[in-house]
Amino acid sequence: MIERFKEYTKLDPNDVDAWLNLGDAYYDEANYNKALESYKKASDLDPYSSEIWNNIGLIYSYVGDYDKSIESYKKASGLNPEDAIIFYNLGFAYEDKGEEYKEEAIKNYKLTLELDPTYIDAWNNIALIYKDKENYDKAIQCLQKALKVDPDSVFILKNIAALYENIKDHEKALFNYNLALELEPNNADILNSIGNIYYELNEFDEAINYYQEAVRSMPFSGEILNNLANAFTCIQEYEKAIDSYKEAIKLAPDDDILYNNIGFSYRKIELYEKALKYYKKSLELNPKYSTVWKIFVLFLMTLDKSEES
């Protein structure tokens, strides 16, 4: 595509659409410098196109130049003050610029919603800002407004549930996760999140049920396998825990925590040489892991004493 659009710009260097399409093609390839060059060529030919200035703003955002990004979005919004997407992008740029610009971000997200009340991503982003400020009530209110627009949004239901989980309202968290699960019964992320709540409530059998469902839906998630193994450990099913840890290690062979966890399980079933092997591996991967060093030293002392007796 890039070569084709380059040919178009050579055939007619004054074709704004050719430069715009070339910029889009570079953008899709994540070649942001070339995309910016192309959009600027298009802007030189048509400085009154809000689309071009919006695209220039996107590029500056991607490369982390938020001042130029904001300046470009403002030019775009001045040319087309009815375009909700421009104000959304402007809000995003202010949000990325830093903590002190979050209120400006909210202001632009609200302008987005005035222009397009169905733009639920704007509600979600406002909610995330309030969450970072630990204003959970306002965050939940924003997401509830988004849910009124789209009651079947799994994305929004999950975020509402996660907020309730943050404030330890497990009942409401489970309620919203289960609503999301009704819409996507095989969503491993939701199943895992429900498992995490039951784990926190010390309802380990229930947690295991959800973790196992999550593994069936996403068998190659080291995080879920580790969670499942931890739950097995809590009910002293150490052999099952070891099996799950080993599957997790296949997916994340450099995760020192997994080696520590499997070492703990082997120690609990008195397979000390295997336990020592995994503790050593954990320390090889993370020599600063102080907890493992303490366990390791105590473990060696215990083995020495048992050999002496």
Protein backbone atom coordinates (compact mmCIF):
# COMPACT_ATOMS: atom_id res chain seq x y z
CA MET A 1 0.00 0.00 0.00
CA ILE A 2 2.78 2.42 0.89
CA GLU A 3 4.47 2.08 -2.49
CA ARG A 4 1.17 2.61 -4.30
CA PHE A 5 0.42 5.81 -2.37
CA LYS A 6 3.98 7.03 -2.90
CA GLU A 7 3.42 6.63 -6.62
CA TYR A 8 0.22 8.67 -6.35
CA THR A 9 2.10 11.52 -4.66
CA LYS A 10 4.69 11.45 -7.44
CA LEU A 11 2.00 11.54 -10.14
CA ASP A 12 0.32 14.52 -8.48
CA PRO A 13 2.30 16.17 -5.66
CA ASN A 14 -0.67 18.50 -5.01
CA ASP A 15 -3.12 15.68 -4.31
CA VAL A 16 -4.08 16.14 -0.66
CA ASP A 17 -5.79 12.74 -0.44
CA ALA A 18 -2.69 10.99 -1.77
CA TRP A 19 -0.55 12.48 1.01
CA LEU A 20 -3.25 11.76 3.60
CA ASN A 21 -3.54 8.13 2.46
CA LEU A 22 0.24 7.76 2.48
CA GLY A 23 0.31 9.10 6.04
CA ASP A 24 -2.41 6.61 7.04
CA ALA A 25 -0.40 3.77 5.49
CA TYR A 26 2.74 4.76 7.39
CA TYR A 27 0.66 5.13 10.55
CA ASP A 28 -0.70 1.59 10.16
CA GLU A 29 2.91 0.37 9.91
CA ALA A 30 3.82 2.36 13.07
CA ASN A 31 6.29 4.42 11.04
CA TYR A 32 5.33 7.62 12.83
CA ASN A 33 8.08 9.87 11.48
CA LYS A 34 7.13 9.14 7.88
CA ALA A 35 3.44 9.42 8.73
CA LEU A 36 4.05 12.87 10.22
CA GLU A 37 5.97 13.99 7.13
CA SER A 38 3.09 12.89 4.91
CA TYR A 39 0.40 14.53 7.06
CA LYS A 40 2.39 17.76 7.14
CA LYS A 41 2.59 17.70 3.34
CA ALA A 42 -1.17 17.27 3.25
CA SER A 43 -1.59 20.11 5.76
CA ASP A 44 0.58 22.42 3.69
CA LEU A 45 -1.78 21.80 0.78
CA ASP A 46 -4.94 22.06 2.89
CA PRO A 47 -4.36 23.87 6.20
CA TYR A 48 -8.12 23.95 6.91
CA SER A 49 -8.65 20.19 7.17
CA SER A 50 -9.57 19.18 10.73
CA GLU A 51 -8.97 15.53 9.81
CA ILE A 52 -5.35 16.23 8.91
CA TRP A 53 -4.68 18.24 12.08
CA ASN A 54 -6.30 15.50 14.15
CA ASN A 55 -4.02 12.93 12.53
CA ILE A 56 -0.98 15.11 13.20
CA GLY A 57 -2.10 15.30 16.83
CA LEU A 58 -2.32 11.50 17.00
CA ILE A 59 1.24 11.15 15.74
CA TYR A 60 2.62 13.63 18.26
CA SER A 61 0.74 11.76 21.02
CA TYR A 62 2.25 8.45 19.95
CA VAL A 63 5.79 9.86 20.05
CA GLY A 64 5.15 11.55 23.42
CA ASP A 65 5.22 15.19 22.30
CA TYR A 66 2.01 16.15 24.11
CA ASP A 67 2.42 19.92 23.75
CA LYS A 68 2.48 19.67 19.95
CA SER A 69 -0.25 17.06 20.08
CA ILE A 70 -2.52 19.38 22.08
CA GLU A 71 -1.71 22.29 19.78
CA SER A 72 -2.66 20.19 16.74
CA TYR A 73 -5.92 18.96 18.29
CA LYS A 74 -6.85 22.53 19.19
CA LYS A 75 -6.35 23.58 15.58
CA ALA A 76 -8.53 20.65 14.53
CA SER A 77 -11.27 21.51 17.03
CA GLY A 78 -11.22 25.14 15.92
CA LEU A 79 -11.83 24.02 12.36
CA ASN A 80 -14.50 21.48 13.32
CA PRO A 81 -15.96 22.21 16.78
CA GLU A 82 -18.69 19.56 16.31
CA ASP A 83 -16.32 16.59 16.03
CA ALA A 84 -16.49 14.59 19.26
CA ILE A 85 -13.46 12.45 18.36
CA ILE A 86 -11.16 15.49 18.31
CA PHE A 87 -12.17 16.50 21.84
CA TYR A 88 -11.77 12.89 23.00
CA ASN A 89 -8.25 12.81 21.57
CA LEU A 90 -7.51 16.17 23.17
CA GLY A 91 -8.65 14.81 26.53
CA PHE A 92 -6.43 11.78 26.06
CA ALA A 93 -3.41 13.98 25.29
CA TYR A 94 -3.99 16.06 28.44
CA GLU A 95 -4.34 12.85 30.46
CA ASP A 96 -1.07 11.50 29.09
CA LYS A 97 0.70 14.81 29.70
CA GLY A 98 0.59 14.39 33.46
CA GLU A 99 -1.32 14.41 36.71
CA GLU A 100 -1.70 18.19 36.82
CA TYR A 101 -3.59 18.13 33.49
CA LYS A 102 -6.21 15.55 34.50
CA GLU A 103 -8.91 18.19 35.12
CA GLU A 104 -8.34 19.54 31.64
CA ALA A 105 -8.68 15.99 30.36
CA ILE A 106 -12.02 15.60 32.15
CA LYS A 107 -13.20 18.91 30.69
CA ASN A 108 -12.52 17.70 27.15
CA TYR A 109 -14.03 14.27 27.76
CA LYS A 110 -17.20 16.04 28.93
CA LEU A 111 -17.18 18.17 25.76
CA THR A 112 -16.94 14.88 23.85
CA LEU A 113 -20.05 13.63 25.63
CA GLU A 114 -21.96 16.85 24.95
CA LEU A 115 -21.34 16.28 21.25
CA ASP A 116 -21.87 12.51 21.39
CA PRO A 117 -23.61 11.15 24.52
CA THR A 118 -23.03 7.58 23.31
CA TYR A 119 -19.23 7.90 23.50
CA ILE A 120 -18.83 5.48 26.42
CA ASP A 121 -15.01 5.48 26.20
CA ALA A 122 -15.13 9.10 27.40
CA TRP A 123 -17.15 8.07 30.48
CA ASN A 124 -14.70 5.22 31.07
CA ASN A 125 -11.67 7.50 30.89
CA ILE A 126 -13.24 10.01 33.29
CA ALA A 127 -13.95 7.09 35.64
CA LEU A 128 -10.32 5.96 35.49
CA ILE A 129 -9.13 9.46 36.40
CA TYR A 130 -11.44 9.49 39.42
CA LYS A 131 -10.23 6.00 40.32
CA ASP A 132 -6.61 7.22 40.30
CA LYS A 133 -7.73 10.00 42.65
CA GLU A 134 -9.36 7.26 44.81
CA ASN A 135 -12.73 8.92 44.28
CA TYR A 136 -14.45 5.59 43.74
CA ASP A 137 -18.01 6.87 44.10
CA LYS A 138 -17.60 9.31 41.21
CA ALA A 139 -15.78 6.68 39.16
CA ILE A 140 -18.63 4.21 39.60
CA GLN A 141 -21.20 6.90 38.79
CA CYS A 142 -19.44 7.60 35.48
CA LEU A 143 -19.37 3.93 34.56
CA GLN A 144 -23.04 3.54 35.48
CA LYS A 145 -23.80 6.36 33.02
CA ALA A 146 -21.82 4.51 30.37
CA LEU A 147 -23.77 1.35 31.16
CA LYS A 148 -27.06 3.17 30.56
CA VAL A 149 -25.83 3.90 27.04
CA ASP A 150 -24.74 0.30 26.46
CA PRO A 151 -26.14 -2.15 29.04
CA ASP A 152 -24.40 -5.07 27.31
CA SER A 153 -20.90 -3.62 27.44
CA VAL A 154 -18.73 -6.34 28.98
CA PHE A 155 -15.86 -3.86 29.10
CA ILE A 156 -17.83 -1.43 31.29
CA LEU A 157 -19.30 -4.16 33.50
CA LYS A 158 -15.81 -5.51 34.17
CA ASN A 159 -14.55 -2.05 35.08
CA ILE A 160 -17.48 -1.47 37.45
CA ALA A 161 -16.81 -4.83 39.08
CA ALA A 162 -13.09 -4.04 39.42
CA LEU A 163 -13.91 -0.75 41.16
CA TYR A 164 -16.17 -2.51 43.64
CA GLU A 165 -13.40 -5.05 44.14
CA ASN A 166 -10.98 -2.20 44.94
CA ILE A 167 -13.24 -0.96 47.74
CA LYS A 168 -13.80 -4.52 49.01
CA ASP A 169 -17.49 -4.57 48.12
CA HIS A 170 -17.25 -8.18 47.04
CA GLU A 171 -20.99 -8.68 46.68
CA LYS A 172 -21.39 -5.90 44.11
CA ALA A 173 -18.15 -6.88 42.40
CA LEU A 174 -19.41 -10.46 41.97
CA PHE A 175 -22.80 -9.19 40.80
CA ASN A 176 -21.24 -7.15 37.99
CA TYR A 177 -18.68 -9.81 37.03
CA ASN A 178 -21.52 -12.32 36.76
CA LEU A 179 -23.51 -9.95 34.54
CA ALA A 180 -20.46 -9.73 32.30
CA LEU A 181 -20.05 -13.51 32.42
CA GLU A 182 -23.63 -14.01 31.24
CA LEU A 183 -22.70 -12.04 28.12
CA GLU A 184 -19.35 -13.82 27.64
CA PRO A 185 -19.48 -17.19 29.45
CA ASN A 186 -16.00 -18.23 28.33
CA ASN A 187 -14.19 -15.00 29.13
CA ALA A 188 -11.10 -16.19 31.00
CA ASP A 189 -10.33 -12.75 32.42
CA ILE A 190 -13.76 -12.54 34.07
CA LEU A 191 -13.56 -16.12 35.35
CA ASN A 192 -10.12 -15.40 36.80
CA SER A 193 -11.35 -12.18 38.45
CA ILE A 194 -14.25 -14.02 40.09
CA GLY A 195 -11.79 -16.67 41.25
CA ASN A 196 -9.64 -13.93 42.79
CA ILE A 197 -12.57 -12.62 44.82
CA TYR A 198 -13.41 -16.06 46.19
CA TYR A 199 -9.70 -16.57 46.94
CA GLU A 200 -9.66 -13.31 48.90
CA LEU A 201 -12.77 -14.48 50.77
CA ASN A 202 -10.92 -17.73 51.64
CA GLU A 203 -13.51 -19.72 49.68
CA PHE A 204 -10.80 -21.72 47.98
CA ASP A 205 -12.92 -24.52 46.52
CA GLU A 206 -15.09 -21.95 44.75
CA ALA A 207 -11.99 -20.07 43.60
CA ILE A 208 -10.56 -23.31 42.17
CA ASN A 209 -13.77 -23.94 40.20
CA TYR A 210 -13.51 -20.54 38.51
CA TYR A 211 -9.75 -20.78 37.95
CA GLN A 212 -10.21 -24.19 36.30
CA GLU A 213 -12.91 -22.76 34.04
CA ALA A 214 -10.55 -19.90 33.19
CA VAL A 215 -7.75 -22.35 32.35
CA ARG A 216 -10.10 -24.27 30.06
CA SER A 217 -10.89 -21.03 28.25
CA MET A 218 -7.29 -19.79 28.21
CA PRO A 219 -4.88 -22.70 28.79
CA PHE A 220 -1.78 -20.63 28.08
CA SER A 221 -2.09 -18.04 30.84
CA GLY A 222 0.71 -18.31 33.38
CA GLU A 223 -1.10 -15.90 35.71
CA ILE A 224 -4.24 -18.03 35.88
CA LEU A 225 -2.27 -21.25 36.33
CA ASN A 226 -0.33 -19.64 39.17
CA ASN A 227 -3.58 -18.50 40.78
CA LEU A 228 -4.99 -22.02 40.49
CA ALA A 229 -1.83 -23.48 42.04
CA ASN A 230 -1.96 -20.98 44.92
CA ALA A 231 -5.55 -21.99 45.65
CA PHE A 232 -4.60 -25.68 45.65
CA THR A 233 -1.79 -24.81 48.09
CA CYS A 234 -4.31 -23.17 50.44
CA ILE A 235 -6.30 -26.41 50.71
CA GLN A 236 -3.08 -28.44 51.03
CA GLU A 237 -3.47 -30.13 47.63
CA TYR A 238 0.23 -29.78 47.05
CA GLU A 239 0.61 -32.31 44.22
CA LYS A 240 -2.08 -30.53 42.22
CA ALA A 241 -0.44 -27.20 43.02
CA ILE A 242 2.89 -28.51 41.73
CA ASP A 243 1.30 -29.65 38.46
CA SER A 244 -0.20 -26.19 37.89
CA TYR A 245 3.02 -24.39 38.84
CA LYS A 246 4.93 -26.56 36.36
CA GLU A 247 2.49 -25.64 33.60
CA ALA A 248 2.90 -21.98 34.52
CA ILE A 249 6.71 -22.30 34.44
CA LYS A 250 6.52 -23.63 30.87
CA LEU A 251 4.87 -20.34 29.92
CA ALA A 252 7.04 -18.10 32.09
CA PRO A 253 10.38 -19.88 32.60
CA ASP A 254 12.05 -16.76 34.06
CA ASP A 255 9.47 -16.04 36.77
CA ASP A 256 11.33 -16.40 40.08
CA ILE A 257 8.09 -16.33 42.10
CA LEU A 258 6.86 -19.51 40.42
CA TYR A 259 10.05 -21.39 41.37
CA ASN A 260 9.71 -20.19 44.95
CA ASN A 261 6.08 -21.32 45.04
CA ILE A 262 6.82 -24.76 43.68
CA GLY A 263 9.72 -25.07 46.14
CA PHE A 264 7.32 -24.33 48.96
CA SER A 265 4.94 -27.06 47.75
CA TYR A 266 7.69 -29.67 47.50
CA ARG A 267 8.86 -28.71 50.99
CA LYS A 268 5.33 -29.25 52.36
CA ILE A 269 5.26 -32.82 51.02
CA GLU A 270 8.82 -33.37 52.30
CA LEU A 271 10.47 -33.77 48.92
CA TYR A 272 13.37 -31.66 50.13
CA GLU A 273 15.87 -32.16 47.31
CA LYS A 274 13.30 -31.05 44.76
CA ALA A 275 12.34 -28.14 46.97
CA LEU A 276 15.98 -27.08 47.22
CA LYS A 277 16.36 -27.27 43.45
CA TYR A 278 13.48 -24.86 42.88
CA TYR A 279 14.52 -22.48 45.66
CA LYS A 280 18.00 -22.33 44.09
CA LYS A 281 16.50 -21.55 40.70
CA SER A 282 14.36 -18.79 42.20
CA LEU A 283 17.48 -17.21 43.70
CA GLU A 284 19.41 -17.55 40.43
CA LEU A 285 16.68 -15.56 38.72
CA ASN A 286 16.36 -13.01 41.53
CA PRO A 287 19.37 -12.94 43.87
CA LYS A 288 17.78 -10.05 45.84
CA TYR A 289 14.70 -12.09 46.78
CA SER A 290 15.21 -11.75 50.56
CA THR A 291 12.27 -13.95 51.54
CA VAL A 292 13.63 -16.88 49.57
CA TRP A 293 17.10 -16.38 51.08
CA LYS A 294 15.61 -16.64 54.58
CA ILE A 295 13.68 -19.78 53.65
CA PHE A 296 16.72 -21.17 51.85
CA VAL A 297 19.07 -20.71 54.82
CA LEU A 298 16.54 -22.07 57.33
CA PHE A 299 15.88 -24.98 55.01
CA LEU A 300 19.59 -25.84 54.77
CA MET A 301 19.93 -25.62 58.55
CA THR A 302 16.96 -27.99 58.96
CA LEU A 303 18.47 -30.47 56.49
CA ASP A 304 21.85 -30.33 58.25
CA LYS A 305 20.22 -31.05 61.60
CA SER A 306 18.23 -33.97 60.19
CA GLU A 307 21.38 -35.46 58.65
CA GLU A 308 23.27 -35.11 61.97
CA SER A 309 20.52 -36.92 63.86
